[in-house]
mmCIF file of all heavy atoms, coordinates in Angstrom:
data_MODEL
# 
_entry.id   MODEL 
# 
loop_
_atom_site.group_PDB 
_atom_site.id 
_atom_site.type_symbol 
_atom_site.label_atom_id 
_atom_site.label_alt_id 
_atom_site.label_comp_id 
_atom_site.label_asym_id 
_atom_site.label_entity_id 
_atom_site.label_seq_id 
_atom_site.pdbx_PDB_ins_code 
_atom_site.Cartn_x 
_atom_site.Cartn_y 
_atom_site.Cartn_z 
_atom_site.occupancy 
_atom_site.B_iso_or_equiv 
_atom_site.pdbx_formal_charge 
_atom_site.auth_seq_id 
_atom_site.auth_comp_id 
_atom_site.auth_asym_id 
_atom_site.auth_atom_id 
_atom_site.pdbx_PDB_model_num 
ATOM 1   N N   . ASN A 1 1  ? -9.111  -1.197 14.088 1.00 0.00 ? 1  ASN A N   1 
ATOM 2   C CA  . ASN A 1 1  ? -8.634  0.167  14.317 1.00 0.00 ? 1  ASN A CA  1 
ATOM 3   C C   . ASN A 1 1  ? -7.569  0.178  15.406 1.00 0.00 ? 1  ASN A C   1 
ATOM 4   O O   . ASN A 1 1  ? -6.556  0.892  15.303 1.00 0.00 ? 1  ASN A O   1 
ATOM 5   C CB  . ASN A 1 1  ? -9.813  1.088  14.672 1.00 0.00 ? 1  ASN A CB  1 
ATOM 6   C CG  . ASN A 1 1  ? -10.825 1.223  13.559 1.00 0.00 ? 1  ASN A CG  1 
ATOM 7   O OD1 . ASN A 1 1  ? -10.544 0.840  12.422 1.00 0.00 ? 1  ASN A OD1 1 
ATOM 8   N ND2 . ASN A 1 1  ? -11.993 1.723  13.884 1.00 0.00 ? 1  ASN A ND2 1 
ATOM 9   N N   . LEU A 1 2  ? -7.830  -0.548 16.500 1.00 0.00 ? 2  LEU A N   1 
ATOM 10  C CA  . LEU A 1 2  ? -6.859  -0.488 17.627 1.00 0.00 ? 2  LEU A CA  1 
ATOM 11  C C   . LEU A 1 2  ? -5.526  -1.118 17.283 1.00 0.00 ? 2  LEU A C   1 
ATOM 12  O O   . LEU A 1 2  ? -4.566  -0.847 17.986 1.00 0.00 ? 2  LEU A O   1 
ATOM 13  C CB  . LEU A 1 2  ? -7.489  -1.266 18.840 1.00 0.00 ? 2  LEU A CB  1 
ATOM 14  C CG  . LEU A 1 2  ? -8.647  -0.539 19.514 1.00 0.00 ? 2  LEU A CG  1 
ATOM 15  C CD1 . LEU A 1 2  ? -9.250  -1.453 20.619 1.00 0.00 ? 2  LEU A CD1 1 
ATOM 16  C CD2 . LEU A 1 2  ? -8.212  0.799  20.109 1.00 0.00 ? 2  LEU A CD2 1 
ATOM 17  N N   . MET A 1 3  ? -5.475  -1.900 16.227 1.00 0.00 ? 3  MET A N   1 
ATOM 18  C CA  . MET A 1 3  ? -4.194  -2.422 15.778 1.00 0.00 ? 3  MET A CA  1 
ATOM 19  C C   . MET A 1 3  ? -3.201  -1.287 15.476 1.00 0.00 ? 3  MET A C   1 
ATOM 20  O O   . MET A 1 3  ? -1.988  -1.453 15.541 1.00 0.00 ? 3  MET A O   1 
ATOM 21  C CB  . MET A 1 3  ? -4.365  -3.268 14.545 1.00 0.00 ? 3  MET A CB  1 
ATOM 22  C CG  . MET A 1 3  ? -5.042  -4.598 14.765 1.00 0.00 ? 3  MET A CG  1 
ATOM 23  S SD  . MET A 1 3  ? -4.099  -5.729 15.741 1.00 0.00 ? 3  MET A SD  1 
ATOM 24  C CE  . MET A 1 3  ? -5.196  -7.166 15.776 1.00 0.00 ? 3  MET A CE  1 
ATOM 25  N N   . GLY A 1 4  ? -3.720  -0.075 15.216 1.00 0.00 ? 4  GLY A N   1 
ATOM 26  C CA  . GLY A 1 4  ? -2.853  1.038  14.858 1.00 0.00 ? 4  GLY A CA  1 
ATOM 27  C C   . GLY A 1 4  ? -2.143  1.650  16.036 1.00 0.00 ? 4  GLY A C   1 
ATOM 28  O O   . GLY A 1 4  ? -1.169  2.402  15.849 1.00 0.00 ? 4  GLY A O   1 
ATOM 29  N N   . VAL A 1 5  ? -2.571  1.341  17.280 1.00 0.00 ? 5  VAL A N   1 
ATOM 30  C CA  . VAL A 1 5  ? -1.920  1.935  18.433 1.00 0.00 ? 5  VAL A CA  1 
ATOM 31  C C   . VAL A 1 5  ? -1.309  0.874  19.366 1.00 0.00 ? 5  VAL A C   1 
ATOM 32  O O   . VAL A 1 5  ? -0.764  1.185  20.415 1.00 0.00 ? 5  VAL A O   1 
ATOM 33  C CB  . VAL A 1 5  ? -2.896  2.819  19.249 1.00 0.00 ? 5  VAL A CB  1 
ATOM 34  C CG1 . VAL A 1 5  ? -3.316  3.999  18.434 1.00 0.00 ? 5  VAL A CG1 1 
ATOM 35  C CG2 . VAL A 1 5  ? -4.117  1.991  19.709 1.00 0.00 ? 5  VAL A CG2 1 
ATOM 36  N N   . ILE A 1 6  ? -1.428  -0.395 18.990 1.00 0.00 ? 6  ILE A N   1 
ATOM 37  C CA  . ILE A 1 6  ? -0.792  -1.476 19.797 1.00 0.00 ? 6  ILE A CA  1 
ATOM 38  C C   . ILE A 1 6  ? 0.716   -1.497 19.488 1.00 0.00 ? 6  ILE A C   1 
ATOM 39  O O   . ILE A 1 6  ? 1.077   -1.587 18.330 1.00 0.00 ? 6  ILE A O   1 
ATOM 40  C CB  . ILE A 1 6  ? -1.413  -2.837 19.491 1.00 0.00 ? 6  ILE A CB  1 
ATOM 41  C CG1 . ILE A 1 6  ? -2.913  -2.841 19.881 1.00 0.00 ? 6  ILE A CG1 1 
ATOM 42  C CG2 . ILE A 1 6  ? -0.669  -3.965 20.191 1.00 0.00 ? 6  ILE A CG2 1 
ATOM 43  C CD1 . ILE A 1 6  ? -3.610  -4.106 19.524 1.00 0.00 ? 6  ILE A CD1 1 
ATOM 44  N N   . PRO A 1 7  ? 1.577   -1.404 20.490 1.00 0.00 ? 7  PRO A N   1 
ATOM 45  C CA  . PRO A 1 7  ? 3.037   -1.386 20.236 1.00 0.00 ? 7  PRO A CA  1 
ATOM 46  C C   . PRO A 1 7  ? 3.463   -2.607 19.443 1.00 0.00 ? 7  PRO A C   1 
ATOM 47  O O   . PRO A 1 7  ? 2.946   -3.718 19.605 1.00 0.00 ? 7  PRO A O   1 
ATOM 48  C CB  . PRO A 1 7  ? 3.610   -1.392 21.675 1.00 0.00 ? 7  PRO A CB  1 
ATOM 49  C CG  . PRO A 1 7  ? 2.533   -0.803 22.511 1.00 0.00 ? 7  PRO A CG  1 
ATOM 50  C CD  . PRO A 1 7  ? 1.241   -1.205 21.924 1.00 0.00 ? 7  PRO A CD  1 
ATOM 51  N N   . LEU A 1 8  ? 4.414   -2.382 18.597 1.00 0.00 ? 8  LEU A N   1 
ATOM 52  C CA  . LEU A 1 8  ? 5.049   -3.366 17.706 1.00 0.00 ? 8  LEU A CA  1 
ATOM 53  C C   . LEU A 1 8  ? 4.149   -3.742 16.534 1.00 0.00 ? 8  LEU A C   1 
ATOM 54  O O   . LEU A 1 8  ? 4.678   -4.225 15.519 1.00 0.00 ? 8  LEU A O   1 
ATOM 55  C CB  . LEU A 1 8  ? 5.476   -4.611 18.473 1.00 0.00 ? 8  LEU A CB  1 
ATOM 56  C CG  . LEU A 1 8  ? 6.415   -4.415 19.641 1.00 0.00 ? 8  LEU A CG  1 
ATOM 57  C CD1 . LEU A 1 8  ? 6.732   -5.787 20.318 1.00 0.00 ? 8  LEU A CD1 1 
ATOM 58  C CD2 . LEU A 1 8  ? 7.715   -3.738 19.196 1.00 0.00 ? 8  LEU A CD2 1 
ATOM 59  N N   . ILE A 1 9  ? 2.873   -3.622 16.651 1.00 0.00 ? 9  ILE A N   1 
ATOM 60  C CA  . ILE A 1 9  ? 1.977   -3.886 15.490 1.00 0.00 ? 9  ILE A CA  1 
ATOM 61  C C   . ILE A 1 9  ? 1.740   -2.607 14.715 1.00 0.00 ? 9  ILE A C   1 
ATOM 62  O O   . ILE A 1 9  ? 2.073   -2.502 13.591 1.00 0.00 ? 9  ILE A O   1 
ATOM 63  C CB  . ILE A 1 9  ? 0.620   -4.464 16.000 1.00 0.00 ? 9  ILE A CB  1 
ATOM 64  C CG1 . ILE A 1 9  ? 0.839   -5.813 16.690 1.00 0.00 ? 9  ILE A CG1 1 
ATOM 65  C CG2 . ILE A 1 9  ? -0.356  -4.609 14.831 1.00 0.00 ? 9  ILE A CG2 1 
ATOM 66  C CD1 . ILE A 1 9  ? -0.422  -6.425 17.265 1.00 0.00 ? 9  ILE A CD1 1 
ATOM 67  N N   . GLN A 1 10 ? 1.124   -1.633 15.356 1.00 0.00 ? 10 GLN A N   1 
ATOM 68  C CA  . GLN A 1 10 ? 1.002   -0.271 14.882 1.00 0.00 ? 10 GLN A CA  1 
ATOM 69  C C   . GLN A 1 10 ? 0.631   -0.191 13.395 1.00 0.00 ? 10 GLN A C   1 
ATOM 70  O O   . GLN A 1 10 ? 1.237   0.498  12.608 1.00 0.00 ? 10 GLN A O   1 
ATOM 71  C CB  . GLN A 1 10 ? 2.312   0.511  15.109 1.00 0.00 ? 10 GLN A CB  1 
ATOM 72  C CG  . GLN A 1 10 ? 2.596   0.660  16.596 1.00 0.00 ? 10 GLN A CG  1 
ATOM 73  C CD  . GLN A 1 10 ? 3.933   1.234  16.866 1.00 0.00 ? 10 GLN A CD  1 
ATOM 74  O OE1 . GLN A 1 10 ? 4.963   0.789  16.359 1.00 0.00 ? 10 GLN A OE1 1 
ATOM 75  N NE2 . GLN A 1 10 ? 4.027   2.261  17.734 1.00 0.00 ? 10 GLN A NE2 1 
ATOM 76  N N   . PHE A 1 11 ? -0.490  -0.871 13.064 1.00 0.00 ? 11 PHE A N   1 
ATOM 77  C CA  . PHE A 1 11 ? -1.007  -0.783 11.687 1.00 0.00 ? 11 PHE A CA  1 
ATOM 78  C C   . PHE A 1 11 ? -2.513  -1.040 11.739 1.00 0.00 ? 11 PHE A C   1 
ATOM 79  O O   . PHE A 1 11 ? -2.933  -2.167 11.940 1.00 0.00 ? 11 PHE A O   1 
ATOM 80  C CB  . PHE A 1 11 ? -0.310  -1.787 10.779 1.00 0.00 ? 11 PHE A CB  1 
ATOM 81  C CG  . PHE A 1 11 ? -0.613  -1.545 9.331  1.00 0.00 ? 11 PHE A CG  1 
ATOM 82  C CD1 . PHE A 1 11 ? 0.272   -0.807 8.546  1.00 0.00 ? 11 PHE A CD1 1 
ATOM 83  C CD2 . PHE A 1 11 ? -1.782  -2.006 8.729  1.00 0.00 ? 11 PHE A CD2 1 
ATOM 84  C CE1 . PHE A 1 11 ? -0.018  -0.545 7.217  1.00 0.00 ? 11 PHE A CE1 1 
ATOM 85  C CE2 . PHE A 1 11 ? -2.082  -1.762 7.423  1.00 0.00 ? 11 PHE A CE2 1 
ATOM 86  C CZ  . PHE A 1 11 ? -1.176  -1.043 6.653  1.00 0.00 ? 11 PHE A CZ  1 
ATOM 87  N N   . PRO A 1 12 ? -3.316  0.004  11.525 1.00 0.00 ? 12 PRO A N   1 
ATOM 88  C CA  . PRO A 1 12 ? -4.758  -0.194 11.517 1.00 0.00 ? 12 PRO A CA  1 
ATOM 89  C C   . PRO A 1 12 ? -5.183  -0.910 10.223 1.00 0.00 ? 12 PRO A C   1 
ATOM 90  O O   . PRO A 1 12 ? -4.904  -0.441 9.111  1.00 0.00 ? 12 PRO A O   1 
ATOM 91  C CB  . PRO A 1 12 ? -5.310  1.212  11.554 1.00 0.00 ? 12 PRO A CB  1 
ATOM 92  C CG  . PRO A 1 12 ? -4.243  2.075  10.997 1.00 0.00 ? 12 PRO A CG  1 
ATOM 93  C CD  . PRO A 1 12 ? -2.953  1.418  11.353 1.00 0.00 ? 12 PRO A CD  1 
ATOM 94  N N   . VAL A 1 13 ? -5.859  -2.026 10.382 1.00 0.00 ? 13 VAL A N   1 
ATOM 95  C CA  . VAL A 1 13 ? -6.283  -2.826 9.223  1.00 0.00 ? 13 VAL A CA  1 
ATOM 96  C C   . VAL A 1 13 ? -7.145  -2.033 8.277  1.00 0.00 ? 13 VAL A C   1 
ATOM 97  O O   . VAL A 1 13 ? -7.022  -2.116 7.060  1.00 0.00 ? 13 VAL A O   1 
ATOM 98  C CB  . VAL A 1 13 ? -7.033  -4.092 9.681  1.00 0.00 ? 13 VAL A CB  1 
ATOM 99  C CG1 . VAL A 1 13 ? -7.552  -4.880 8.483  1.00 0.00 ? 13 VAL A CG1 1 
ATOM 100 C CG2 . VAL A 1 13 ? -6.125  -4.960 10.574 1.00 0.00 ? 13 VAL A CG2 1 
ATOM 101 N N   . ALA A 1 14 ? -8.031  -1.166 8.839  1.00 0.00 ? 14 ALA A N   1 
ATOM 102 C CA  . ALA A 1 14 ? -8.956  -0.392 8.016  1.00 0.00 ? 14 ALA A CA  1 
ATOM 103 C C   . ALA A 1 14 ? -8.265  0.686  7.215  1.00 0.00 ? 14 ALA A C   1 
ATOM 104 O O   . ALA A 1 14 ? -8.915  1.311  6.356  1.00 0.00 ? 14 ALA A O   1 
ATOM 105 C CB  . ALA A 1 14 ? -10.056 0.224  8.886  1.00 0.00 ? 14 ALA A CB  1 
ATOM 106 N N   . SER A 1 15 ? -6.954  0.942  7.418  1.00 0.00 ? 15 SER A N   1 
ATOM 107 C CA  . SER A 1 15 ? -6.266  1.920  6.576  1.00 0.00 ? 15 SER A CA  1 
ATOM 108 C C   . SER A 1 15 ? -5.946  1.354  5.182  1.00 0.00 ? 15 SER A C   1 
ATOM 109 O O   . SER A 1 15 ? -5.479  2.081  4.336  1.00 0.00 ? 15 SER A O   1 
ATOM 110 C CB  . SER A 1 15 ? -4.960  2.384  7.273  1.00 0.00 ? 15 SER A CB  1 
ATOM 111 O OG  . SER A 1 15 ? -4.074  1.288  7.413  1.00 0.00 ? 15 SER A OG  1 
ATOM 112 N N   . HIS A 1 16 ? -6.178  0.051  4.999  1.00 0.00 ? 16 HIS A N   1 
ATOM 113 C CA  . HIS A 1 16 ? -6.151  -0.530 3.661  1.00 0.00 ? 16 HIS A CA  1 
ATOM 114 C C   . HIS A 1 16 ? -7.604  -0.607 3.182  1.00 0.00 ? 16 HIS A C   1 
ATOM 115 O O   . HIS A 1 16 ? -8.443  -1.312 3.749  1.00 0.00 ? 16 HIS A O   1 
ATOM 116 C CB  . HIS A 1 16 ? -5.539  -1.932 3.696  1.00 0.00 ? 16 HIS A CB  1 
ATOM 117 C CG  . HIS A 1 16 ? -4.112  -1.942 3.287  1.00 0.00 ? 16 HIS A CG  1 
ATOM 118 N ND1 . HIS A 1 16 ? -3.590  -2.850 2.383  1.00 0.00 ? 16 HIS A ND1 1 
ATOM 119 C CD2 . HIS A 1 16 ? -3.092  -1.133 3.614  1.00 0.00 ? 16 HIS A CD2 1 
ATOM 120 C CE1 . HIS A 1 16 ? -2.299  -2.625 2.200  1.00 0.00 ? 16 HIS A CE1 1 
ATOM 121 N NE2 . HIS A 1 16 ? -1.940  -1.591 2.943  1.00 0.00 ? 16 HIS A NE2 1 
ATOM 122 N N   . ILE A 1 17 ? -7.929  0.122  2.135  1.00 0.00 ? 17 ILE A N   1 
ATOM 123 C CA  . ILE A 1 17 ? -9.317  0.333  1.743  1.00 0.00 ? 17 ILE A CA  1 
ATOM 124 C C   . ILE A 1 17 ? -10.039 -0.960 1.423  1.00 0.00 ? 17 ILE A C   1 
ATOM 125 O O   . ILE A 1 17 ? -11.272 -1.019 1.543  1.00 0.00 ? 17 ILE A O   1 
ATOM 126 C CB  . ILE A 1 17 ? -9.384  1.316  0.543  1.00 0.00 ? 17 ILE A CB  1 
ATOM 127 C CG1 . ILE A 1 17 ? -10.816 1.863  0.382  1.00 0.00 ? 17 ILE A CG1 1 
ATOM 128 C CG2 . ILE A 1 17 ? -8.863  0.685  -0.733 1.00 0.00 ? 17 ILE A CG2 1 
ATOM 129 C CD1 . ILE A 1 17 ? -10.887 3.057  -0.539 1.00 0.00 ? 17 ILE A CD1 1 
ATOM 130 N N   . ALA A 1 18 ? -9.358  -1.998 1.027  1.00 0.00 ? 18 ALA A N   1 
ATOM 131 C CA  . ALA A 1 18 ? -10.024 -3.238 0.639  1.00 0.00 ? 18 ALA A CA  1 
ATOM 132 C C   . ALA A 1 18 ? -10.827 -3.847 1.762  1.00 0.00 ? 18 ALA A C   1 
ATOM 133 O O   . ALA A 1 18 ? -11.913 -4.384 1.550  1.00 0.00 ? 18 ALA A O   1 
ATOM 134 C CB  . ALA A 1 18 ? -9.007  -4.261 0.099  1.00 0.00 ? 18 ALA A CB  1 
ATOM 135 N N   . PHE A 1 19 ? -10.318 -3.724 2.976  1.00 0.00 ? 19 PHE A N   1 
ATOM 136 C CA  . PHE A 1 19 ? -10.998 -4.385 4.146  1.00 0.00 ? 19 PHE A CA  1 
ATOM 137 C C   . PHE A 1 19 ? -12.294 -3.726 4.497  1.00 0.00 ? 19 PHE A C   1 
ATOM 138 O O   . PHE A 1 19 ? -13.334 -4.409 4.548  1.00 0.00 ? 19 PHE A O   1 
ATOM 139 C CB  . PHE A 1 19 ? -10.002 -4.428 5.329  1.00 0.00 ? 19 PHE A CB  1 
ATOM 140 C CG  . PHE A 1 19 ? -8.834  -5.327 5.082  1.00 0.00 ? 19 PHE A CG  1 
ATOM 141 C CD1 . PHE A 1 19 ? -7.651  -4.807 4.643  1.00 0.00 ? 19 PHE A CD1 1 
ATOM 142 C CD2 . PHE A 1 19 ? -8.935  -6.681 5.285  1.00 0.00 ? 19 PHE A CD2 1 
ATOM 143 C CE1 . PHE A 1 19 ? -6.537  -5.630 4.420  1.00 0.00 ? 19 PHE A CE1 1 
ATOM 144 C CE2 . PHE A 1 19 ? -7.825  -7.519 5.049  1.00 0.00 ? 19 PHE A CE2 1 
ATOM 145 C CZ  . PHE A 1 19 ? -6.653  -6.998 4.610  1.00 0.00 ? 19 PHE A CZ  1 
ATOM 146 N N   . PRO A 1 20 ? -12.350 -2.413 4.741  1.00 0.00 ? 20 PRO A N   1 
ATOM 147 C CA  . PRO A 1 20 ? -13.643 -1.820 4.954  1.00 0.00 ? 20 PRO A CA  1 
ATOM 148 C C   . PRO A 1 20 ? -14.574 -1.864 3.771  1.00 0.00 ? 20 PRO A C   1 
ATOM 149 O O   . PRO A 1 20 ? -15.785 -1.936 3.879  1.00 0.00 ? 20 PRO A O   1 
ATOM 150 C CB  . PRO A 1 20 ? -13.320 -0.352 5.389  1.00 0.00 ? 20 PRO A CB  1 
ATOM 151 C CG  . PRO A 1 20 ? -11.958 -0.119 4.836  1.00 0.00 ? 20 PRO A CG  1 
ATOM 152 C CD  . PRO A 1 20 ? -11.253 -1.449 4.889  1.00 0.00 ? 20 PRO A CD  1 
ATOM 153 N N   . ALA A 1 21 ? -14.004 -1.872 2.524  1.00 0.00 ? 21 ALA A N   1 
ATOM 154 C CA  . ALA A 1 21 ? -14.814 -1.903 1.344  1.00 0.00 ? 21 ALA A CA  1 
ATOM 155 C C   . ALA A 1 21 ? -15.584 -3.235 1.240  1.00 0.00 ? 21 ALA A C   1 
ATOM 156 O O   . ALA A 1 21 ? -16.780 -3.290 0.985  1.00 0.00 ? 21 ALA A O   1 
ATOM 157 C CB  . ALA A 1 21 ? -13.983 -1.694 0.080  1.00 0.00 ? 21 ALA A CB  1 
ATOM 158 N N   . VAL A 1 22 ? -14.862 -4.354 1.462  1.00 0.00 ? 22 VAL A N   1 
ATOM 159 C CA  . VAL A 1 22 ? -15.495 -5.665 1.393  1.00 0.00 ? 22 VAL A CA  1 
ATOM 160 C C   . VAL A 1 22 ? -16.563 -5.781 2.460  1.00 0.00 ? 22 VAL A C   1 
ATOM 161 O O   . VAL A 1 22 ? -17.685 -6.310 2.212  1.00 0.00 ? 22 VAL A O   1 
ATOM 162 C CB  . VAL A 1 22 ? -14.436 -6.780 1.532  1.00 0.00 ? 22 VAL A CB  1 
ATOM 163 C CG1 . VAL A 1 22 ? -15.086 -8.158 1.755  1.00 0.00 ? 22 VAL A CG1 1 
ATOM 164 C CG2 . VAL A 1 22 ? -13.537 -6.810 0.323  1.00 0.00 ? 22 VAL A CG2 1 
ATOM 165 N N   . LEU A 1 23 ? -16.312 -5.320 3.657  1.00 0.00 ? 23 LEU A N   1 
ATOM 166 C CA  . LEU A 1 23 ? -17.253 -5.412 4.765  1.00 0.00 ? 23 LEU A CA  1 
ATOM 167 C C   . LEU A 1 23 ? -18.490 -4.568 4.462  1.00 0.00 ? 23 LEU A C   1 
ATOM 168 O O   . LEU A 1 23 ? -19.635 -5.001 4.681  1.00 0.00 ? 23 LEU A O   1 
ATOM 169 C CB  . LEU A 1 23 ? -16.610 -4.971 6.070  1.00 0.00 ? 23 LEU A CB  1 
ATOM 170 C CG  . LEU A 1 23 ? -17.421 -5.192 7.357  1.00 0.00 ? 23 LEU A CG  1 
ATOM 171 C CD1 . LEU A 1 23 ? -17.858 -6.662 7.506  1.00 0.00 ? 23 LEU A CD1 1 
ATOM 172 C CD2 . LEU A 1 23 ? -16.618 -4.759 8.574  1.00 0.00 ? 23 LEU A CD2 1 
ATOM 173 N N   . ALA A 1 24 ? -18.281 -3.313 3.987  1.00 0.00 ? 24 ALA A N   1 
ATOM 174 C CA  . ALA A 1 24 ? -19.408 -2.452 3.671  1.00 0.00 ? 24 ALA A CA  1 
ATOM 175 C C   . ALA A 1 24 ? -20.240 -2.974 2.503  1.00 0.00 ? 24 ALA A C   1 
ATOM 176 O O   . ALA A 1 24 ? -21.471 -2.888 2.551  1.00 0.00 ? 24 ALA A O   1 
ATOM 177 C CB  . ALA A 1 24 ? -18.874 -1.036 3.371  1.00 0.00 ? 24 ALA A CB  1 
# 
């Protein structure tokens, strides 16, 4: 989640549904 607010990265991994889906 914090990847979404880190400068230059700014992309939360969990915003791609496949990642939370596989974990859940």
